[in-house]
Amino acid sequence: MFDIYFKENEIEIKYVYRKKIQIINYQDLIKYTFIETSKSSNNSFKTKDFHFVFNRVVANNHFIEFYKFLKSKNENLEIEIFPLSSNLEYLRQQEFGLSYRKILKETL
């Protein structure tokens, strides 16, 4: 069990039972993945040395705000949302456009 704190310059992970604190700088993040299924949802952060999986941190109506926050901290961060038919992917496309269609068009 742990708590996650999104601070100004870093992400702090406090493990409750191990009394351990792990710090991740936003610039060290490579990928953020959100996977939503009918029964649950998972989030994960990946760095060069670390892969961390956790439950949802924001509700659907605050996801775009969270997305923008992460991108403001690390504009090179790759953000993936699965499945592509999810409501969050729809919200992202509404806000930022249909970028995946441009990629598909170029490959055809």
PDB file of N, CA and C in Angstrom:
ATOM      1  N   MET A   1       0.842  -1.159   0.000  1.00  0.00           N
ATOM      2  CA  MET A   1       0.000   0.000   0.000  1.00  0.00           C
ATOM      3  C   MET A   1       0.900   1.239   0.000  1.00  0.00           C
ATOM      4  N   PHE A   2       0.448   2.262  -0.721  1.00  0.00           N
ATOM      5  CA  PHE A   2       1.250   3.468  -0.855  1.00  0.00           C
ATOM      6  C   PHE A   2       0.359   4.655  -1.182  1.00  0.00           C
ATOM      7  N   ASP A   3       0.915   5.825  -1.001  1.00  0.00           N
ATOM      8  CA  ASP A   3       0.270   7.077  -1.383  1.00  0.00           C
ATOM      9  C   ASP A   3       1.138   7.743  -2.439  1.00  0.00           C
ATOM     10  N   ILE A   4       0.491   8.390  -3.405  1.00  0.00           N
ATOM     11  CA  ILE A   4       1.223   9.099  -4.462  1.00  0.00           C
ATOM     12  C   ILE A   4       0.923  10.585  -4.333  1.00  0.00           C
ATOM     13  N   TYR A   5       1.989  11.380  -4.356  1.00  0.00           N
ATOM     14  CA  TYR A   5       1.854  12.835  -4.281  1.00  0.00           C
ATOM     15  C   TYR A   5       2.488  13.440  -5.527  1.00  0.00           C
ATOM     16  N   PHE A   6       1.700  14.185  -6.276  1.00  0.00           N
ATOM     17  CA  PHE A   6       2.199  14.871  -7.459  1.00  0.00           C
ATOM     18  C   PHE A   6       2.605  16.276  -7.035  1.00  0.00           C
ATOM     19  N   LYS A   7       3.878  16.449  -6.794  1.00  0.00           N
ATOM     20  CA  LYS A   7       4.406  17.729  -6.332  1.00  0.00           C
ATOM     21  C   LYS A   7       4.834  18.584  -7.515  1.00  0.00           C
ATOM     22  N   GLU A   8       5.334  19.758  -7.238  1.00  0.00           N
ATOM     23  CA  GLU A   8       5.698  20.699  -8.292  1.00  0.00           C
ATOM     24  C   GLU A   8       6.791  20.167  -9.217  1.00  0.00           C
ATOM     25  N   ASN A   9       7.828  19.533  -8.669  1.00  0.00           N
ATOM     26  CA  ASN A   9       8.965  19.083  -9.484  1.00  0.00           C
ATOM     27  C   ASN A   9       9.175  17.586  -9.501  1.00  0.00           C
ATOM     28  N   GLU A  10       8.346  16.844  -8.776  1.00  0.00           N
ATOM     29  CA  GLU A  10       8.576  15.405  -8.671  1.00  0.00           C
ATOM     30  C   GLU A  10       7.314  14.687  -8.228  1.00  0.00           C
ATOM     31  N   ILE A  11       7.356  13.379  -8.384  1.00  0.00           N
ATOM     32  CA  ILE A  11       6.296  12.510  -7.879  1.00  0.00           C
ATOM     33  C   ILE A  11       6.879  11.800  -6.666  1.00  0.00           C
ATOM     34  N   GLU A  12       6.158  11.846  -5.574  1.00  0.00           N
ATOM     35  CA  GLU A  12       6.623  11.200  -4.354  1.00  0.00           C
ATOM     36  C   GLU A  12       5.718  10.013  -4.052  1.00  0.00           C
ATOM     37  N   ILE A  13       6.322   8.851  -3.860  1.00  0.00           N
ATOM     38  CA  ILE A  13       5.582   7.637  -3.542  1.00  0.00           C
ATOM     39  C   ILE A  13       5.967   7.229  -2.126  1.00  0.00           C
ATOM     40  N   LYS A  14       4.986   7.237  -1.232  1.00  0.00           N
ATOM     41  CA  LYS A  14       5.229   6.859   0.161  1.00  0.00           C
ATOM     42  C   LYS A  14       4.599   5.496   0.412  1.00  0.00           C
ATOM     43  N   TYR A  15       5.447   4.535   0.709  1.00  0.00           N
ATOM     44  CA  TYR A  15       4.979   3.194   1.044  1.00  0.00           C
ATOM     45  C   TYR A  15       4.569   3.176   2.509  1.00  0.00           C
ATOM     46  N   VAL A  16       3.365   2.732   2.787  1.00  0.00           N
ATOM     47  CA  VAL A  16       2.817   2.806   4.130  1.00  0.00           C
ATOM     48  C   VAL A  16       3.499   1.820   5.072  1.00  0.00           C
ATOM     49  N   TYR A  17       3.630   0.577   4.676  1.00  0.00           N
ATOM     50  CA  TYR A  17       4.134  -0.446   5.586  1.00  0.00           C
ATOM     51  C   TYR A  17       5.655  -0.562   5.581  1.00  0.00           C
ATOM     52  N   ARG A  18       6.291  -0.194   4.508  1.00  0.00           N
ATOM     53  CA  ARG A  18       7.749  -0.300   4.444  1.00  0.00           C
ATOM     54  C   ARG A  18       8.457   0.963   4.901  1.00  0.00           C
ATOM     55  N   LYS A  19       7.711   2.008   5.175  1.00  0.00           N
ATOM     56  CA  LYS A  19       8.296   3.286   5.605  1.00  0.00           C
ATOM     57  C   LYS A  19       9.368   3.763   4.625  1.00  0.00           C
ATOM     58  N   LYS A  20       9.082   3.602   3.361  1.00  0.00           N
ATOM     59  CA  LYS A  20      10.013   3.985   2.304  1.00  0.00           C
ATOM     60  C   LYS A  20       9.383   5.095   1.476  1.00  0.00           C
ATOM     61  N   ILE A  21      10.203   6.016   1.006  1.00  0.00           N
ATOM     62  CA  ILE A  21       9.753   7.079   0.115  1.00  0.00           C
ATOM     63  C   ILE A  21      10.582   7.018  -1.157  1.00  0.00           C
ATOM     64  N   GLN A  22       9.902   7.006  -2.287  1.00  0.00           N
ATOM     65  CA  GLN A  22      10.582   6.990  -3.584  1.00  0.00           C
ATOM     66  C   GLN A  22      10.230   8.277  -4.320  1.00  0.00           C
ATOM     67  N   ILE A  23      11.245   8.909  -4.886  1.00  0.00           N
ATOM     68  CA  ILE A  23      11.066  10.159  -5.617  1.00  0.00           C
ATOM     69  C   ILE A  23      11.322   9.902  -7.096  1.00  0.00           C
ATOM     70  N   ILE A  24      10.394  10.379  -7.949  1.00  0.00           N
ATOM     71  CA  ILE A  24      10.554  10.275  -9.398  1.00  0.00           C
ATOM     72  C   ILE A  24      10.452  11.683  -9.968  1.00  0.00           C
ATOM     73  N   ASN A  25      11.467  12.125 -10.648  1.00  0.00           N
ATOM     74  CA  ASN A  25      11.426  13.425 -11.312  1.00  0.00           C
ATOM     75  C   ASN A  25      10.578  13.311 -12.573  1.00  0.00           C
ATOM     76  N   TYR A  26       9.803  14.336 -12.858  1.00  0.00           N
ATOM     77  CA  TYR A  26       8.953  14.318 -14.044  1.00  0.00           C
ATOM     78  C   TYR A  26       9.775  14.131 -15.321  1.00  0.00           C
ATOM     79  N   GLN A  27      10.961  14.702 -15.371  1.00  0.00           N
ATOM     80  CA  GLN A  27      11.799  14.596 -16.567  1.00  0.00           C
ATOM     81  C   GLN A  27      12.308  13.175 -16.800  1.00  0.00           C
ATOM     82  N   ASP A  28      12.273  12.328 -15.760  1.00  0.00           N
ATOM     83  CA  ASP A  28      12.708  10.935 -15.892  1.00  0.00           C
ATOM     84  C   ASP A  28      11.617  10.029 -16.438  1.00  0.00           C
ATOM     85  N   LEU A  29      10.385  10.535 -16.485  1.00  0.00           N
ATOM     86  CA  LEU A  29       9.277   9.718 -16.986  1.00  0.00           C
ATOM     87  C   LEU A  29       9.393   9.530 -18.493  1.00  0.00           C
ATOM     88  N   ILE A  30       9.202   8.308 -18.929  1.00  0.00           N
ATOM     89  CA  ILE A  30       9.222   7.984 -20.357  1.00  0.00           C
ATOM     90  C   ILE A  30       7.803   7.800 -20.870  1.00  0.00           C
ATOM     91  N   LYS A  31       6.978   7.076 -20.089  1.00  0.00           N
ATOM     92  CA  LYS A  31       5.644   6.735 -20.570  1.00  0.00           C
ATOM     93  C   LYS A  31       4.649   6.688 -19.415  1.00  0.00           C
ATOM     94  N   TYR A  32       3.451   7.200 -19.697  1.00  0.00           N
ATOM     95  CA  TYR A  32       2.310   7.052 -18.800  1.00  0.00           C
ATOM     96  C   TYR A  32       1.251   6.292 -19.579  1.00  0.00           C
ATOM     97  N   THR A  33       0.744   5.206 -18.993  1.00  0.00           N
ATOM     98  CA  THR A  33      -0.258   4.386 -19.656  1.00  0.00           C
ATOM     99  C   THR A  33      -1.492   4.295 -18.781  1.00  0.00           C
ATOM    100  N   PHE A  34      -2.650   4.469 -19.409  1.00  0.00           N
ATOM    101  CA  PHE A  34      -3.922   4.295 -18.727  1.00  0.00           C
ATOM    102  C   PHE A  34      -4.680   3.198 -19.445  1.00  0.00           C
ATOM    103  N   ILE A  35      -5.072   2.162 -18.701  1.00  0.00           N
ATOM    104  CA  ILE A  35      -5.832   1.042 -19.268  1.00  0.00           C
ATOM    105  C   ILE A  35      -7.136   0.927 -18.497  1.00  0.00           C
ATOM    106  N   GLU A  36      -8.233   0.984 -19.231  1.00  0.00           N
ATOM    107  CA  GLU A  36      -9.555   0.900 -18.601  1.00  0.00           C
ATOM    108  C   GLU A  36     -10.274  -0.334 -19.117  1.00  0.00           C
ATOM    109  N   THR A  37     -10.739  -1.170 -18.194  1.00  0.00           N
ATOM    110  CA  THR A  37     -11.537  -2.336 -18.554  1.00  0.00           C
ATOM    111  C   THR A  37     -12.909  -2.184 -17.909  1.00  0.00           C
ATOM    112  N   SER A  38     -13.777  -3.126 -18.172  1.00  0.00           N
ATOM    113  CA  SER A  38     -15.122  -3.019 -17.612  1.00  0.00           C
ATOM    114  C   SER A  38     -15.125  -3.179 -16.093  1.00  0.00           C
ATOM    115  N   LYS A  39     -14.110  -3.837 -15.540  1.00  0.00           N
ATOM    116  CA  LYS A  39     -14.091  -4.079 -14.095  1.00  0.00           C
ATOM    117  C   LYS A  39     -13.133  -3.186 -13.325  1.00  0.00           C
ATOM    118  N   SER A  40     -12.107  -2.686 -13.958  1.00  0.00           N
ATOM    119  CA  SER A  40     -11.133  -1.866 -13.230  1.00  0.00           C
ATOM    120  C   SER A  40     -10.332  -1.010 -14.205  1.00  0.00           C
ATOM    121  N   SER A  41      -9.448  -0.215 -13.634  1.00  0.00           N
ATOM    122  CA  SER A  41      -8.555   0.585 -14.460  1.00  0.00           C
ATOM    123  C   SER A  41      -7.181   0.605 -13.812  1.00  0.00           C
ATOM    124  N   ASN A  42      -6.153   0.671 -14.641  1.00  0.00           N
ATOM    125  CA  ASN A  42      -4.773   0.721 -14.171  1.00  0.00           C
ATOM    126  C   ASN A  42      -4.063   1.901 -14.795  1.00  0.00           C
ATOM    127  N   ASN A  43      -3.169   2.477 -14.052  1.00  0.00           N
ATOM    128  CA  ASN A  43      -2.265   3.507 -14.533  1.00  0.00           C
ATOM    129  C   ASN A  43      -0.863   2.972 -14.343  1.00  0.00           C
ATOM    130  N   SER A  44       0.050   3.419 -15.165  1.00  0.00           N
ATOM    131  CA  SER A  44       1.441   3.052 -14.922  1.00  0.00           C
ATOM    132  C   SER A  44       2.361   4.157 -15.411  1.00  0.00           C
ATOM    133  N   PHE A  45       3.463   4.301 -14.706  1.00  0.00           N
ATOM    134  CA  PHE A  45       4.550   5.188 -15.094  1.00  0.00           C
ATOM    135  C   PHE A  45       5.755   4.322 -15.393  1.00  0.00           C
ATOM    136  N   LYS A  46       6.475   4.712 -16.414  1.00  0.00           N
ATOM    137  CA  LYS A  46       7.695   3.993 -16.745  1.00  0.00           C
ATOM    138  C   LYS A  46       8.835   4.993 -16.862  1.00  0.00           C
ATOM    139  N   THR A  47       9.951   4.655 -16.215  1.00  0.00           N
ATOM    140  CA  THR A  47      11.183   5.406 -16.365  1.00  0.00           C
ATOM    141  C   THR A  47      12.219   4.439 -16.903  1.00  0.00           C
ATOM    142  N   LYS A  48      13.425   4.905 -17.052  1.00  0.00           N
ATOM    143  CA  LYS A  48      14.501   4.035 -17.537  1.00  0.00           C
ATOM    144  C   LYS A  48      14.709   2.841 -16.596  1.00  0.00           C
ATOM    145  N   ASP A  49      14.591   3.069 -15.302  1.00  0.00           N
ATOM    146  CA  ASP A  49      14.890   2.030 -14.312  1.00  0.00           C
ATOM    147  C   ASP A  49      13.692   1.532 -13.518  1.00  0.00           C
ATOM    148  N   PHE A  50      12.518   2.048 -13.791  1.00  0.00           N
ATOM    149  CA  PHE A  50      11.408   1.822 -12.883  1.00  0.00           C
ATOM    150  C   PHE A  50      10.099   1.713 -13.647  1.00  0.00           C
ATOM    151  N   HIS A  51       9.250   0.761 -13.244  1.00  0.00           N
ATOM    152  CA  HIS A  51       7.904   0.622 -13.796  1.00  0.00           C
ATOM    153  C   HIS A  51       6.957   0.497 -12.610  1.00  0.00           C
ATOM    154  N   PHE A  52       5.988   1.390 -12.534  1.00  0.00           N
ATOM    155  CA  PHE A  52       5.132   1.490 -11.365  1.00  0.00           C
ATOM    156  C   PHE A  52       3.675   1.452 -11.804  1.00  0.00           C
ATOM    157  N   VAL A  53       2.877   0.500 -11.280  1.00  0.00           N
ATOM    158  CA  VAL A  53       1.469   0.344 -11.635  1.00  0.00           C
ATOM    159  C   VAL A  53       0.617   0.718 -10.426  1.00  0.00           C
ATOM    160  N   PHE A  54      -0.461   1.467 -10.685  1.00  0.00           N
ATOM    161  CA  PHE A  54      -1.326   1.923  -9.599  1.00  0.00           C
ATOM    162  C   PHE A  54      -2.741   2.128 -10.118  1.00  0.00           C
ATOM    163  N   ASN A  55      -3.679   2.330  -9.216  1.00  0.00           N
ATOM    164  CA  ASN A  55      -5.083   2.553  -9.577  1.00  0.00           C
ATOM    165  C   ASN A  55      -5.293   3.970 -10.084  1.00  0.00           C
ATOM    166  N   ARG A  56      -6.469   4.212 -10.581  1.00  0.00           N
ATOM    167  CA  ARG A  56      -6.847   5.525 -11.130  1.00  0.00           C
ATOM    168  C   ARG A  56      -6.568   6.647 -10.131  1.00  0.00           C
ATOM    169  N   VAL A  57      -6.010   7.734 -10.630  1.00  0.00           N
ATOM    170  CA  VAL A  57      -5.720   8.874  -9.763  1.00  0.00           C
ATOM    171  C   VAL A  57      -6.692  10.027  -9.942  1.00  0.00           C
ATOM    172  N   VAL A  58      -7.369  10.094 -11.091  1.00  0.00           N
ATOM    173  CA  VAL A  58      -8.350  11.156 -11.331  1.00  0.00           C
ATOM    174  C   VAL A  58      -9.596  10.572 -11.985  1.00  0.00           C
ATOM    175  N   ALA A  59     -10.705  11.214 -11.752  1.00  0.00           N
ATOM    176  CA  ALA A  59     -11.959  10.808 -12.389  1.00  0.00           C
ATOM    177  C   ALA A  59     -11.963  11.258 -13.852  1.00  0.00           C
ATOM    178  N   ASN A  60     -12.844  10.687 -14.637  1.00  0.00           N
ATOM    179  CA  ASN A  60     -12.912  10.995 -16.072  1.00  0.00           C
ATOM    180  C   ASN A  60     -12.993  12.484 -16.360  1.00  0.00           C
ATOM    181  N   ASN A  61     -13.802  13.217 -15.584  1.00  0.00           N
ATOM    182  CA  ASN A  61     -13.999  14.636 -15.879  1.00  0.00           C
ATOM    183  C   ASN A  61     -12.765  15.482 -15.551  1.00  0.00           C
ATOM    184  N   HIS A  62     -11.778  14.939 -14.858  1.00  0.00           N
ATOM    185  CA  HIS A  62     -10.552  15.669 -14.545  1.00  0.00           C
ATOM    186  C   HIS A  62      -9.336  15.123 -15.307  1.00  0.00           C
ATOM    187  N   PHE A  63      -9.565  14.149 -16.179  1.00  0.00           N
ATOM    188  CA  PHE A  63      -8.451  13.510 -16.858  1.00  0.00           C
ATOM    189  C   PHE A  63      -7.681  14.476 -17.757  1.00  0.00           C
ATOM    190  N   ILE A  64      -8.367  15.310 -18.511  1.00  0.00           N
ATOM    191  CA  ILE A  64      -7.693  16.244 -19.426  1.00  0.00           C
ATOM    192  C   ILE A  64      -6.813  17.205 -18.633  1.00  0.00           C
ATOM    193  N   GLU A  65      -7.295  17.655 -17.496  1.00  0.00           N
ATOM    194  CA  GLU A  65      -6.501  18.529 -16.634  1.00  0.00           C
ATOM    195  C   GLU A  65      -5.230  17.801 -16.162  1.00  0.00           C
ATOM    196  N   PHE A  66      -5.365  16.531 -15.772  1.00  0.00           N
ATOM    197  CA  PHE A  66      -4.221  15.716 -15.350  1.00  0.00           C
ATOM    198  C   PHE A  66      -3.265  15.493 -16.517  1.00  0.00           C
ATOM    199  N   TYR A  67      -3.804  15.226 -17.689  1.00  0.00           N
ATOM    200  CA  TYR A  67      -3.022  15.041 -18.912  1.00  0.00           C
ATOM    201  C   TYR A  67      -2.176  16.288 -19.191  1.00  0.00           C
ATOM    202  N   LYS A  68      -2.801  17.450 -19.143  1.00  0.00           N
ATOM    203  CA  LYS A  68      -2.092  18.710 -19.388  1.00  0.00           C
ATOM    204  C   LYS A  68      -1.027  18.958 -18.319  1.00  0.00           C
ATOM    205  N   PHE A  69      -1.340  18.615 -17.068  1.00  0.00           N
ATOM    206  CA  PHE A  69      -0.373  18.771 -15.985  1.00  0.00           C
ATOM    207  C   PHE A  69       0.871  17.930 -16.262  1.00  0.00           C
ATOM    208  N   LEU A  70       0.686  16.652 -16.620  1.00  0.00           N
ATOM    209  CA  LEU A  70       1.831  15.780 -16.901  1.00  0.00           C
ATOM    210  C   LEU A  70       2.636  16.297 -18.086  1.00  0.00           C
ATOM    211  N   LYS A  71       1.956  16.721 -19.140  1.00  0.00           N
ATOM    212  CA  LYS A  71       2.653  17.235 -20.321  1.00  0.00           C
ATOM    213  C   LYS A  71       3.387  18.544 -20.019  1.00  0.00           C
ATOM    214  N   SER A  72       2.866  19.349 -19.094  1.00  0.00           N
ATOM    215  CA  SER A  72       3.554  20.594 -18.736  1.00  0.00           C
ATOM    216  C   SER A  72       4.845  20.304 -17.964  1.00  0.00           C
ATOM    217  N   LYS A  73       4.883  19.177 -17.279  1.00  0.00           N
ATOM    218  CA  LYS A  73       6.068  18.802 -16.516  1.00  0.00           C
ATOM    219  C   LYS A  73       7.112  18.102 -17.380  1.00  0.00           C
ATOM    220  N   ASN A  74       6.655  17.412 -18.436  1.00  0.00           N
ATOM    221  CA  ASN A  74       7.562  16.686 -19.332  1.00  0.00           C
ATOM    222  C   ASN A  74       6.890  16.577 -20.693  1.00  0.00           C
ATOM    223  N   GLU A  75       7.225  17.477 -21.591  1.00  0.00           N
ATOM    224  CA  GLU A  75       6.551  17.485 -22.894  1.00  0.00           C
ATOM    225  C   GLU A  75       6.948  16.304 -23.773  1.00  0.00           C
ATOM    226  N   ASN A  76       8.006  15.584 -23.414  1.00  0.00           N
ATOM    227  CA  ASN A  76       8.417  14.393 -24.165  1.00  0.00           C
ATOM    228  C   ASN A  76       7.746  13.120 -23.653  1.00  0.00           C
ATOM    229  N   LEU A  77       6.940  13.237 -22.629  1.00  0.00           N
ATOM    230  CA  LEU A  77       6.273  12.081 -22.042  1.00  0.00           C
ATOM    231  C   LEU A  77       5.290  11.477 -23.044  1.00  0.00           C
ATOM    232  N   GLU A  78       5.409  10.186 -23.267  1.00  0.00           N
ATOM    233  CA  GLU A  78       4.463   9.471 -24.126  1.00  0.00           C
ATOM    234  C   GLU A  78       3.274   9.056 -23.269  1.00  0.00           C
ATOM    235  N   ILE A  79       2.072   9.393 -23.722  1.00  0.00           N
ATOM    236  CA  ILE A  79       0.862   9.053 -22.977  1.00  0.00           C
ATOM    237  C   ILE A  79      -0.003   8.148 -23.843  1.00  0.00           C
ATOM    238  N   GLU A  80      -0.320   6.972 -23.288  1.00  0.00           N
ATOM    239  CA  GLU A  80      -1.142   5.997 -24.005  1.00  0.00           C
ATOM    240  C   GLU A  80      -2.426   5.759 -23.225  1.00  0.00           C
ATOM    241  N   ILE A  81      -3.523   5.606 -23.967  1.00  0.00           N
ATOM    242  CA  ILE A  81      -4.818   5.303 -23.375  1.00  0.00           C
ATOM    243  C   ILE A  81      -5.370   4.087 -24.102  1.00  0.00           C
ATOM    244  N   PHE A  82      -5.748   3.067 -23.337  1.00  0.00           N
ATOM    245  CA  PHE A  82      -6.333   1.850 -23.907  1.00  0.00           C
ATOM    246  C   PHE A  82      -7.639   1.534 -23.194  1.00  0.00           C
ATOM    247  N   PRO A  83      -8.627   1.019 -23.886  1.00  0.00           N
ATOM    248  CA  PRO A  83      -8.689   0.839 -25.332  1.00  0.00           C
ATOM    249  C   PRO A  83      -8.927   2.169 -26.029  1.00  0.00           C
ATOM    250  N   LEU A  84      -8.660   2.180 -27.303  1.00  0.00           N
ATOM    251  CA  LEU A  84      -8.837   3.407 -28.082  1.00  0.00           C
ATOM    252  C   LEU A  84     -10.301   3.838 -28.143  1.00  0.00           C
ATOM    253  N   SER A  85     -11.206   2.912 -27.862  1.00  0.00           N
ATOM    254  CA  SER A  85     -12.636   3.232 -27.876  1.00  0.00           C
ATOM    255  C   SER A  85     -13.127   3.763 -26.525  1.00  0.00           C
ATOM    256  N   SER A  86     -12.228   3.970 -25.576  1.00  0.00           N
ATOM    257  CA  SER A  86     -12.636   4.418 -24.238  1.00  0.00           C
ATOM    258  C   SER A  86     -13.087   5.880 -24.246  1.00  0.00           C
ATOM    259  N   ASN A  87     -13.823   6.235 -23.225  1.00  0.00           N
ATOM    260  CA  ASN A  87     -14.307   7.600 -23.077  1.00  0.00           C
ATOM    261  C   ASN A  87     -13.147   8.584 -22.904  1.00  0.00           C
ATOM    262  N   LEU A  88     -12.076   8.169 -22.219  1.00  0.00           N
ATOM    263  CA  LEU A  88     -10.929   9.061 -22.017  1.00  0.00           C
ATOM    264  C   LEU A  88     -10.222   9.363 -23.324  1.00  0.00           C
ATOM    265  N   GLU A  89     -10.114   8.380 -24.198  1.00  0.00           N
ATOM    266  CA  GLU A  89      -9.505   8.638 -25.506  1.00  0.00           C
ATOM    267  C   GLU A  89     -10.370   9.616 -26.298  1.00  0.00           C
ATOM    268  N   TYR A  90     -11.681   9.479 -26.188  1.00  0.00           N
ATOM    269  CA  TYR A  90     -12.598  10.410 -26.843  1.00  0.00           C
ATOM    270  C   TYR A  90     -12.394  11.833 -26.311  1.00  0.00           C
ATOM    271  N   LEU A  91     -12.267  11.965 -24.971  1.00  0.00           N
ATOM    272  CA  LEU A  91     -12.033  13.285 -24.376  1.00  0.00           C
ATOM    273  C   LEU A  91     -10.707  13.877 -24.847  1.00  0.00           C
ATOM    274  N   ARG A  92      -9.682  13.038 -24.936  1.00  0.00           N
ATOM    275  CA  ARG A  92      -8.379  13.516 -25.409  1.00  0.00           C
ATOM    276  C   ARG A  92      -8.478  13.994 -26.858  1.00  0.00           C
ATOM    277  N   GLN A  93      -9.186  13.247 -27.700  1.00  0.00           N
ATOM    278  CA  GLN A  93      -9.334  13.634 -29.103  1.00  0.00           C
ATOM    279  C   GLN A  93     -10.138  14.925 -29.234  1.00  0.00           C
ATOM    280  N   GLN A  94     -11.142  15.104 -28.391  1.00  0.00           N
ATOM    281  CA  GLN A  94     -11.910  16.351 -28.414  1.00  0.00           C
ATOM    282  C   GLN A  94     -11.016  17.543 -28.090  1.00  0.00           C
ATOM    283  N   GLU A  95     -10.136  17.360 -27.128  1.00  0.00           N
ATOM    284  CA  GLU A  95      -9.284  18.455 -26.661  1.00  0.00           C
ATOM    285  C   GLU A  95      -8.110  18.729 -27.605  1.00  0.00           C
ATOM    286  N   PHE A  96      -7.469  17.669 -28.108  1.00  0.00           N
ATOM    287  CA  PHE A  96      -6.220  17.825 -28.848  1.00  0.00           C
ATOM    288  C   PHE A  96      -6.303  17.433 -30.320  1.00  0.00           C
ATOM    289  N   GLY A  97      -7.454  16.969 -30.779  1.00  0.00           N
ATOM    290  CA  GLY A  97      -7.602  16.595 -32.178  1.00  0.00           C
ATOM    291  C   GLY A  97      -7.368  15.113 -32.417  1.00  0.00           C
ATOM    292  N   LEU A  98      -7.578  14.719 -33.629  1.00  0.00           N
ATOM    293  CA  LEU A  98      -7.496  13.306 -34.010  1.00  0.00           C
ATOM    294  C   LEU A  98      -6.121  12.979 -34.573  1.00  0.00           C
ATOM    295  N   SER A  99      -5.111  13.028 -33.763  1.00  0.00           N
ATOM    296  CA  SER A  99      -3.739  12.842 -34.235  1.00  0.00           C
ATOM    297  C   SER A  99      -3.480  11.430 -34.743  1.00  0.00           C
ATOM    298  N   TYR A 100      -4.178  10.432 -34.212  1.00  0.00           N
ATOM    299  CA  TYR A 100      -3.911   9.072 -34.657  1.00  0.00           C
ATOM    300  C   TYR A 100      -4.325   8.869 -36.120  1.00  0.00           C
ATOM    301  N   ARG A 101      -5.297   9.616 -36.588  1.00  0.00           N
ATOM    302  CA  ARG A 101      -5.721   9.489 -37.985  1.00  0.00           C
ATOM    303  C   ARG A 101      -4.659  10.037 -38.942  1.00  0.00           C
ATOM    304  N   LYS A 102      -3.926  11.053 -38.524  1.00  0.00           N
ATOM    305  CA  LYS A 102      -2.847  11.585 -39.352  1.00  0.00           C
ATOM    306  C   LYS A 102      -1.769  10.540 -39.546  1.00  0.00           C
ATOM    307  N   ILE A 103      -1.441   9.819 -38.492  1.00  0.00           N
ATOM    308  CA  ILE A 103      -0.430   8.761 -38.582  1.00  0.00           C
ATOM    309  C   ILE A 103      -0.914   7.658 -39.500  1.00  0.00           C
ATOM    310  N   LEU A 104      -2.154   7.250 -39.361  1.00  0.00           N
ATOM    311  CA  LEU A 104      -2.720   6.204 -40.195  1.00  0.00           C
ATOM    312  C   LEU A 104      -2.698   6.624 -41.660  1.00  0.00           C
ATOM    313  N   LYS A 105      -3.043   7.846 -41.960  1.00  0.00           N
ATOM    314  CA  LYS A 105      -3.086   8.350 -43.312  1.00  0.00           C
ATOM    315  C   LYS A 105      -1.702   8.314 -43.961  1.00  0.00           C
ATOM    316  N   GLU A 106      -0.677   8.673 -43.202  1.00  0.00           N
ATOM    317  CA  GLU A 106       0.682   8.689 -43.740  1.00  0.00           C
ATOM    318  C   GLU A 106       1.195   7.300 -44.054  1.00  0.00           C
ATOM    319  N   THR A 107       0.749   6.304 -43.321  1.00  0.00           N
ATOM    320  CA  THR A 107       1.242   4.945 -43.539  1.00  0.00           C
ATOM    321  C   THR A 107       0.532   4.226 -44.671  1.00  0.00           C
ATOM    322  N   LEU A 108      -0.607   4.730 -45.103  1.00  0.00           N
ATOM    323  CA  LEU A 108      -1.350   4.060 -46.182  1.00  0.00           C
ATOM    324  C   LEU A 108      -0.813   4.396 -47.527  1.00  0.00           C
TER     325      LEU A 108
END
